[in-house]
Amino acid sequence: MNVSDVDALTSPQGRALLAELAGTAGEDPVALAARLRRAGHDPALAALATTQSRLRAKAAAKFGPRADGLLFTAAGAEQATRAVVAAEHARRFAAAGVHRVADLGCGVGADSLAFLDAGLDVLPVDADPTTVAVAAHNLGREVRCADVTAGVVDELDPGDGAWFDPARRTSGGRRLFDPEATSPPLSFVLATAARVPATGAKLAPGLPHELVPAGAEAQWTSVDGEVVECALWCGPLARPGLVRSARVVRGATAHEIDDVDLPVAPVGAVGEFLHEPDGAVIRSGLVAKVAADLDGRLVDETIAYVSTDSSRTSPFTRAFRVLEVMPFGLKPLRARLRELDVGTLTVKKRGTAVDPDQFRRQLALKGSRTATIVLTRIAGKQSVLVVEPVTP
């Protein structure tokens, strides 16, 4: 996709064709292409619009119905901030009294849309011309095409806000895990925060805790069980006294937990229930606080599983009733699962190198019932727990 393609899609003919293709993403591509040819549509435009229709359908999970009026690049549909997460970004800036935010590395404009929805003025900037053209359409305003490290920050007033979404992939698509290898690097983000205090950044969930600077807050966010980001909040965007927090979004509900008064989690025997903490809780290092809230304990000091004796639940964990606990061993486990007539097996694991798919093949189960097992360490020993999910 290039700038000329964006021009074609935003032309009267392109807009009309996109409207005609609404709801066709699930159709057979060959049959759809044949239908468009018979209708006399330009083949090149038809191909562009068909691809765009599929990208919109994919992006609906992040943007809802709004996706039907937006344009996307393939990378933009995959990497754009979810609307529910972008709204929280905007809330932080608005609550800090910021009126203008520079969206530095705006992509297709997901965060800028949220800033505008919150009544903030936005300066969207991106270095890729095609992405800029797409964002300009989505935002209905000019988007600057520039390297965000080349003087844009110098134009900002101290009372403005700066929001970074550093590129975390190479040109070949490989993920970058070193915060200094992203574009721009974390050091540039922190240098900006020294000049523009209300600075935030969308970073990878693997951000090491020791890289969170003094006075800043790092918040790990998950949406429906998937950890999507670690947001770094500086200056007035950070909440006083917090260093690490987790935000767990399930459906339309969000829950937060933080490191204030973080306890040391006890370690003990497996009880009647096992709790699997959300990935955002694990990444933020707040499993001990969840364990304390549940009046539970860790099953092993190095493993993020919490066990309790009561049926109490938490929005930060998924709960399972423990049916059996046994030492790890392929043959005895196969024999026990066959006794239980298990044919369909869900394998959860933590603290073991076992490959679940290969393990299921080795078990060769052919029964009629379903079951869930957890492969993990208990008090340092490889163990198997037969469990069943607890319905919230």
Protein backbone atom coordinates (compact mmCIF):
# COMPACT_ATOMS: atom_id res chain seq x y z
CA MET A 1 0.00 0.00 0.00
CA ASN A 2 1.28 3.49 -0.88
CA VAL A 3 0.06 7.08 -0.89
CA SER A 4 -1.48 6.67 -4.36
CA ASP A 5 -3.49 3.72 -3.03
CA VAL A 6 -4.81 5.88 -0.20
CA ASP A 7 -5.79 8.54 -2.75
CA ALA A 8 -7.63 5.90 -4.77
CA LEU A 9 -9.49 4.57 -1.74
CA THR A 10 -10.54 8.07 -0.66
CA SER A 11 -11.73 9.06 -4.14
CA PRO A 12 -15.50 9.09 -4.79
CA GLN A 13 -15.18 5.77 -6.62
CA GLY A 14 -13.11 4.28 -3.81
CA ARG A 15 -15.50 5.41 -1.09
CA ALA A 16 -18.48 4.04 -3.01
CA LEU A 17 -16.79 0.68 -3.52
CA LEU A 18 -15.80 0.44 0.14
CA ALA A 19 -19.41 1.12 1.11
CA GLU A 20 -20.53 -1.62 -1.30
CA LEU A 21 -18.07 -4.07 0.25
CA ALA A 22 -19.26 -3.51 3.83
CA GLY A 23 -20.03 -6.87 5.40
CA THR A 24 -18.36 -8.96 2.70
CA ALA A 25 -15.14 -9.81 4.57
CA GLY A 26 -16.35 -13.35 5.18
CA GLU A 27 -17.13 -14.08 1.53
CA ASP A 28 -14.97 -16.34 -0.60
CA PRO A 29 -12.25 -14.05 -2.08
CA VAL A 30 -12.34 -15.69 -5.52
CA ALA A 31 -16.13 -15.45 -5.80
CA LEU A 32 -16.08 -11.86 -4.56
CA ALA A 33 -13.41 -10.86 -7.08
CA ALA A 34 -15.40 -12.45 -9.88
CA ARG A 35 -18.54 -10.59 -8.81
CA LEU A 36 -16.70 -7.26 -8.78
CA ARG A 37 -15.27 -7.92 -12.25
CA ARG A 38 -18.73 -8.70 -13.62
CA ALA A 39 -19.98 -5.44 -12.10
CA GLY A 40 -17.33 -3.59 -14.13
CA HIS A 41 -15.16 -2.33 -11.27
CA ASP A 42 -11.55 -1.41 -11.99
CA PRO A 43 -9.53 -4.52 -11.01
CA ALA A 44 -6.79 -2.56 -9.22
CA LEU A 45 -9.26 -0.53 -7.18
CA ALA A 46 -11.33 -3.62 -6.47
CA ALA A 47 -8.26 -5.39 -5.09
CA LEU A 48 -7.37 -2.43 -2.88
CA ALA A 49 -10.93 -2.06 -1.59
CA THR A 50 -11.30 -5.78 -0.93
CA THR A 51 -8.10 -5.81 1.12
CA GLN A 52 -9.21 -2.71 2.98
CA SER A 53 -12.60 -4.26 3.72
CA ARG A 54 -10.86 -7.23 5.33
CA LEU A 55 -8.58 -4.96 7.36
CA ARG A 56 -11.61 -3.06 8.62
CA ALA A 57 -13.26 -6.30 9.67
CA LYS A 58 -10.09 -7.31 11.52
CA ALA A 59 -9.81 -3.90 13.20
CA ALA A 60 -13.42 -4.02 14.43
CA ALA A 61 -12.21 -6.01 17.44
CA LYS A 62 -10.17 -2.95 18.47
CA PHE A 63 -12.31 -0.07 17.24
CA GLY A 64 -15.85 -1.43 17.19
CA PRO A 65 -18.23 -0.03 14.55
CA ARG A 66 -15.92 2.95 14.09
CA ALA A 67 -13.57 0.73 12.07
CA ASP A 68 -16.01 0.83 9.15
CA GLY A 69 -15.10 4.47 8.47
CA LEU A 70 -11.35 4.19 8.95
CA LEU A 71 -8.49 3.18 6.68
CA PHE A 72 -5.73 0.81 7.75
CA THR A 73 -2.37 -0.43 6.65
CA ALA A 74 -1.77 -4.11 7.39
CA ALA A 75 0.71 -3.19 10.14
CA GLY A 76 -1.60 -0.48 11.44
CA ALA A 77 -4.53 -2.87 11.88
CA GLU A 78 -2.28 -5.23 13.83
CA GLN A 79 -0.40 -2.71 15.96
CA ALA A 80 -2.96 0.05 16.60
CA THR A 81 -3.94 0.71 20.20
CA ARG A 82 -7.32 -0.73 21.14
CA ALA A 83 -9.94 1.96 21.60
CA VAL A 84 -10.60 0.99 25.22
CA VAL A 85 -6.88 1.34 26.01
CA ALA A 86 -6.44 4.58 24.04
CA ALA A 87 -9.35 6.10 25.97
CA GLU A 88 -7.43 5.50 29.21
CA HIS A 89 -4.35 7.16 27.70
CA ALA A 90 -6.46 10.21 26.88
CA ARG A 91 -8.02 10.23 30.34
CA ARG A 92 -4.57 10.44 31.93
CA PHE A 93 -3.62 13.51 29.89
CA ALA A 94 -6.96 15.22 30.48
CA ALA A 95 -6.83 14.53 34.23
CA ALA A 96 -3.35 16.07 34.35
CA GLY A 97 -4.72 19.32 32.91
CA VAL A 98 -2.99 18.90 29.54
CA HIS A 99 -4.77 20.58 26.62
CA ARG A 100 -2.51 19.65 23.68
CA VAL A 101 -0.79 16.33 23.05
CA ALA A 102 1.85 15.56 20.45
CA ASP A 103 1.18 12.01 19.26
CA LEU A 104 4.70 11.08 18.25
CA GLY A 105 4.57 7.98 16.09
CA CYS A 106 0.81 8.22 15.65
CA GLY A 107 0.45 5.27 13.29
CA VAL A 108 -3.04 5.08 11.82
CA GLY A 109 -4.26 7.49 14.51
CA ALA A 110 -5.80 5.29 17.21
CA ASP A 111 -4.51 7.30 20.17
CA SER A 112 -5.07 10.63 18.41
CA LEU A 113 -8.72 9.67 17.91
CA ALA A 114 -9.03 9.08 21.65
CA PHE A 115 -7.31 12.38 22.44
CA LEU A 116 -9.73 14.22 20.16
CA ASP A 117 -12.68 12.37 21.72
CA ALA A 118 -11.49 13.62 25.11
CA GLY A 119 -11.51 17.22 23.88
CA LEU A 120 -7.74 17.54 23.58
CA ASP A 121 -5.90 19.25 20.75
CA VAL A 122 -3.53 16.93 18.91
CA LEU A 123 -0.32 17.25 16.92
CA PRO A 124 -0.07 13.86 15.13
CA VAL A 125 3.34 12.95 13.68
CA ASP A 126 4.62 9.89 11.86
CA ALA A 127 7.65 9.23 9.68
CA ASP A 128 6.02 6.97 7.08
CA PRO A 129 4.25 8.83 4.22
CA THR A 130 1.64 6.12 3.63
CA THR A 131 0.80 5.90 7.32
CA VAL A 132 0.54 9.68 7.42
CA ALA A 133 -1.96 9.64 4.54
CA VAL A 134 -4.03 6.97 6.28
CA ALA A 135 -3.98 8.83 9.61
CA ALA A 136 -4.94 12.10 7.93
CA HIS A 137 -8.04 10.41 6.54
CA ASN A 138 -8.89 8.82 9.89
CA LEU A 139 -8.43 12.03 11.87
CA GLY A 140 -9.83 14.46 9.32
CA ARG A 141 -6.86 16.76 9.86
CA GLU A 142 -3.29 17.33 8.79
CA VAL A 143 -0.73 14.83 10.02
CA ARG A 144 2.90 15.82 9.94
CA CYS A 145 5.34 13.53 8.15
CA ALA A 146 8.57 13.78 10.14
CA ASP A 147 11.11 11.94 12.24
CA VAL A 148 9.89 12.54 15.80
CA THR A 149 13.48 12.90 16.99
CA ALA A 150 14.23 15.72 14.54
CA GLY A 151 13.09 18.83 16.37
CA VAL A 152 9.36 18.20 16.86
CA VAL A 153 9.73 18.04 20.63
CA ASP A 154 11.46 21.43 20.61
CA GLU A 155 8.20 23.00 19.42
CA LEU A 156 6.28 21.84 22.49
CA ASP A 157 5.58 24.02 25.50
CA PRO A 158 6.29 22.62 28.98
CA GLY A 159 2.54 22.49 29.62
CA ASP A 160 1.88 20.35 26.53
CA GLY A 161 1.83 16.57 26.55
CA ALA A 162 3.96 14.13 24.57
CA TRP A 163 2.83 10.60 23.74
CA PHE A 164 5.20 8.10 22.14
CA ASP A 165 4.45 4.80 20.45
CA PRO A 166 7.96 3.67 19.47
CA ALA A 167 8.31 1.27 16.53
CA ARG A 168 9.16 -2.11 18.02
CA ARG A 169 9.78 -4.07 14.84
CA THR A 170 12.58 -4.09 12.28
CA SER A 171 11.85 -3.40 8.61
CA GLY A 172 11.72 -7.17 8.20
CA GLY A 173 9.05 -7.55 10.86
CA ARG A 174 11.25 -8.93 13.64
CA ARG A 175 10.23 -7.84 17.14
CA LEU A 176 12.62 -5.65 19.13
CA PHE A 177 12.83 -6.33 22.86
CA ASP A 178 15.58 -3.88 23.85
CA PRO A 179 13.94 -0.51 24.68
CA GLU A 180 17.03 1.24 23.32
CA ALA A 181 16.65 -0.52 19.95
CA THR A 182 13.16 0.87 19.29
CA SER A 183 12.48 4.02 17.28
CA PRO A 184 12.71 6.33 19.11
CA PRO A 185 14.66 4.68 21.94
CA LEU A 186 13.57 4.87 25.57
CA SER A 187 16.40 7.32 26.31
CA PHE A 188 14.82 9.82 23.90
CA VAL A 189 11.44 9.40 25.60
CA LEU A 190 13.03 10.11 28.99
CA ALA A 191 14.95 13.09 27.59
CA THR A 192 11.64 14.47 26.33
CA ALA A 193 10.09 13.98 29.77
CA ALA A 194 12.82 16.19 31.23
CA ARG A 195 11.62 19.02 28.98
CA VAL A 196 7.91 18.17 28.67
CA PRO A 197 6.94 16.69 32.05
CA ALA A 198 3.61 15.22 30.87
CA THR A 199 5.22 12.54 28.73
CA GLY A 200 3.91 9.01 28.26
CA ALA A 201 4.93 6.08 26.10
CA LYS A 202 3.45 2.80 24.92
CA LEU A 203 6.21 0.26 25.54
CA ALA A 204 6.50 -3.50 25.19
CA PRO A 205 5.09 -5.61 28.06
CA GLY A 206 8.57 -7.01 28.68
CA LEU A 207 9.93 -3.71 30.02
CA PRO A 208 12.37 -4.53 32.86
CA HIS A 209 11.24 -3.02 36.16
CA GLU A 210 14.64 -1.49 36.78
CA LEU A 211 14.21 0.74 33.72
CA VAL A 212 11.25 2.59 35.25
CA PRO A 213 12.76 5.96 36.23
CA ALA A 214 12.28 7.56 39.63
CA GLY A 215 8.98 9.40 39.88
CA ALA A 216 7.42 7.57 36.92
CA GLU A 217 4.69 4.92 36.87
CA ALA A 218 4.68 1.86 34.65
CA GLN A 219 1.26 0.33 34.04
CA TRP A 220 0.80 -3.04 32.38
CA THR A 221 -2.56 -3.48 30.64
CA SER A 222 -4.32 -6.62 29.48
CA VAL A 223 -7.52 -6.82 27.44
CA ASP A 224 -9.57 -10.01 27.72
CA GLY A 225 -6.55 -11.94 28.90
CA GLU A 226 -3.98 -10.58 26.43
CA VAL A 227 -1.23 -8.29 27.74
CA VAL A 228 -1.14 -5.47 25.20
CA GLU A 229 1.28 -2.88 26.57
CA CYS A 230 3.32 -1.37 29.34
CA ALA A 231 2.53 2.34 29.46
CA LEU A 232 5.18 4.55 31.03
CA TRP A 233 3.75 7.68 32.67
CA CYS A 234 6.01 10.59 33.67
CA GLY A 235 5.52 13.83 35.57
CA PRO A 236 1.88 14.74 36.28
CA LEU A 237 0.69 11.67 34.37
CA ALA A 238 2.11 9.37 37.06
CA ARG A 239 0.19 8.77 40.27
CA PRO A 240 2.17 9.77 43.38
CA GLY A 241 3.62 6.89 45.34
CA LEU A 242 3.13 4.29 42.60
CA VAL A 243 5.88 2.66 40.59
CA ARG A 244 4.09 -0.33 39.09
CA SER A 245 0.42 -1.02 38.43
CA ALA A 246 -1.74 -3.37 36.41
CA ARG A 247 -4.98 -2.63 34.57
CA VAL A 248 -7.08 -5.64 33.66
CA VAL A 249 -9.85 -5.03 31.14
CA ARG A 250 -12.50 -7.67 30.59
CA GLY A 251 -15.34 -6.67 28.33
CA ALA A 252 -16.49 -3.23 29.39
CA THR A 253 -15.06 -3.50 32.92
CA ALA A 254 -11.57 -2.49 34.07
CA HIS A 255 -9.87 -3.27 37.38
CA GLU A 256 -6.59 -1.86 38.69
CA ILE A 257 -4.06 -2.98 41.25
CA ASP A 258 -0.81 -1.30 42.30
CA ASP A 259 2.37 -1.79 44.30
CA VAL A 260 1.42 0.35 47.32
CA ASP A 261 2.01 -1.71 50.49
CA LEU A 262 3.14 -4.69 48.41
CA PRO A 263 3.45 -7.71 50.74
CA VAL A 264 5.68 -10.76 50.54
CA ALA A 265 3.59 -13.73 49.47
CA PRO A 266 3.74 -16.86 51.65
CA VAL A 267 4.43 -20.25 50.07
CA GLY A 268 2.34 -23.25 51.03
CA ALA A 269 0.52 -26.39 50.08
CA VAL A 270 -2.00 -26.64 47.30
CA GLY A 271 -5.50 -26.05 48.62
CA GLU A 272 -8.94 -26.62 47.16
CA PHE A 273 -8.55 -23.85 44.56
CA LEU A 274 -5.82 -22.71 42.18
CA HIS A 275 -5.73 -19.16 40.80
CA GLU A 276 -3.94 -18.19 37.59
CA PRO A 277 -3.02 -14.46 37.75
CA ASP A 278 -3.65 -12.31 34.70
CA GLY A 279 -0.59 -11.66 32.55
CA ALA A 280 -0.60 -7.94 33.38
CA VAL A 281 -0.43 -8.81 37.09
CA ILE A 282 2.49 -11.15 36.49
CA ARG A 283 4.38 -8.68 34.28
CA SER A 284 3.95 -5.92 36.84
CA GLY A 285 5.21 -8.12 39.68
CA LEU A 286 2.00 -7.84 41.70
CA VAL A 287 1.16 -11.53 42.21
CA ALA A 288 1.92 -11.21 45.94
CA LYS A 289 -0.71 -8.52 46.33
CA VAL A 290 -3.32 -10.63 44.57
CA ALA A 291 -2.38 -13.56 46.80
CA ALA A 292 -2.84 -11.37 49.89
CA ASP A 293 -6.23 -10.12 48.66
CA LEU A 294 -7.33 -13.75 48.22
CA ASP A 295 -5.82 -14.80 51.57
CA GLY A 296 -3.81 -17.29 49.54
CA ARG A 297 -0.25 -18.46 49.05
CA LEU A 298 2.09 -19.37 46.22
CA VAL A 299 2.47 -23.06 45.39
CA ASP A 300 6.17 -22.42 44.74
CA GLU A 301 8.24 -19.31 45.46
CA THR A 302 9.25 -19.03 41.78
CA ILE A 303 5.84 -19.77 40.18
CA ALA A 304 2.94 -17.35 39.65
CA TYR A 305 0.15 -19.68 40.77
CA VAL A 306 -1.85 -18.86 43.89
CA SER A 307 -3.74 -21.43 45.94
CA THR A 308 -6.57 -20.92 48.43
CA ASP A 309 -8.83 -22.98 50.62
CA SER A 310 -11.93 -20.89 49.92
CA SER A 311 -13.95 -20.26 46.77
CA ARG A 312 -13.19 -16.54 46.84
CA THR A 313 -12.43 -15.13 43.38
CA SER A 314 -10.58 -12.11 42.06
CA PRO A 315 -10.91 -10.02 38.89
CA PHE A 316 -7.14 -10.39 38.57
CA THR A 317 -7.09 -14.19 38.33
CA ARG A 318 -8.82 -17.12 36.71
CA ALA A 319 -9.90 -19.69 39.29
CA PHE A 320 -9.86 -23.50 39.11
CA ARG A 321 -11.07 -26.13 41.53
CA VAL A 322 -8.29 -28.63 42.27
CA LEU A 323 -9.47 -32.21 41.76
CA GLU A 324 -6.17 -34.08 42.08
CA VAL A 325 -2.46 -33.44 42.62
CA MET A 326 0.12 -35.95 41.49
CA PRO A 327 3.86 -36.08 40.72
CA PHE A 328 4.78 -35.42 37.10
CA GLY A 329 5.05 -38.57 35.00
CA LEU A 330 3.75 -39.38 31.55
CA LYS A 331 2.73 -42.98 32.17
CA PRO A 332 0.86 -42.52 35.47
CA LEU A 333 -0.87 -39.41 34.13
CA ARG A 334 -1.90 -41.25 30.94
CA ALA A 335 -3.30 -44.10 33.02
CA ARG A 336 -5.24 -41.75 35.30
CA LEU A 337 -6.73 -39.71 32.45
CA ARG A 338 -7.79 -42.89 30.68
CA GLU A 339 -9.48 -44.01 33.90
CA LEU A 340 -11.37 -40.70 33.79
CA ASP A 341 -12.34 -41.35 30.13
CA VAL A 342 -10.65 -38.12 29.00
CA GLY A 343 -10.31 -37.49 25.27
CA THR A 344 -10.05 -33.70 25.01
CA LEU A 345 -7.37 -32.17 27.23
CA THR A 346 -6.49 -28.55 27.97
CA VAL A 347 -2.87 -28.29 29.12
CA LYS A 348 -1.81 -25.22 31.13
CA LYS A 349 1.77 -24.85 32.24
CA ARG A 350 4.16 -22.65 34.15
CA GLY A 351 7.73 -23.43 35.16
CA THR A 352 8.15 -26.37 32.78
CA ALA A 353 9.59 -26.80 29.29
CA VAL A 354 6.91 -29.25 28.18
CA ASP A 355 5.31 -28.48 24.81
CA PRO A 356 1.50 -28.85 25.34
CA ASP A 357 0.73 -30.02 21.79
CA GLN A 358 3.46 -32.66 21.84
CA PHE A 359 2.44 -33.70 25.35
CA ARG A 360 -1.16 -34.26 24.24
CA ARG A 361 0.05 -36.42 21.35
CA GLN A 362 2.19 -38.48 23.73
CA LEU A 363 -0.79 -39.06 26.02
CA ALA A 364 -2.84 -40.39 23.06
CA LEU A 365 -6.18 -39.99 24.84
CA LYS A 366 -9.32 -41.31 23.17
CA GLY A 367 -12.03 -40.91 25.79
CA SER A 368 -15.32 -39.01 25.64
CA ARG A 369 -14.80 -36.44 28.42
CA THR A 370 -12.88 -33.14 28.64
CA ALA A 371 -10.38 -32.19 31.32
CA THR A 372 -7.84 -29.53 32.26
CA ILE A 373 -4.43 -30.17 33.76
CA VAL A 374 -1.77 -27.79 35.06
CA LEU A 375 1.90 -28.69 34.71
CA THR A 376 3.99 -26.74 37.19
CA ARG A 377 6.34 -26.90 40.16
CA ILE A 378 5.03 -27.36 43.69
CA ALA A 379 7.58 -26.77 46.41
CA GLY A 380 10.30 -27.24 43.81
CA LYS A 381 8.97 -30.53 42.40
CA GLN A 382 7.46 -30.99 38.93
CA SER A 383 3.80 -31.80 39.48
CA VAL A 384 0.46 -32.22 37.72
CA LEU A 385 -2.82 -30.77 38.93
CA VAL A 386 -6.11 -31.99 37.51
CA VAL A 387 -8.46 -29.01 37.74
CA GLU A 388 -11.79 -27.68 36.52
CA PRO A 389 -12.56 -24.00 35.78
CA VAL A 390 -14.67 -22.11 38.29
CA THR A 391 -17.46 -20.19 36.58
CA PRO A 392 -17.29 -16.50 37.62
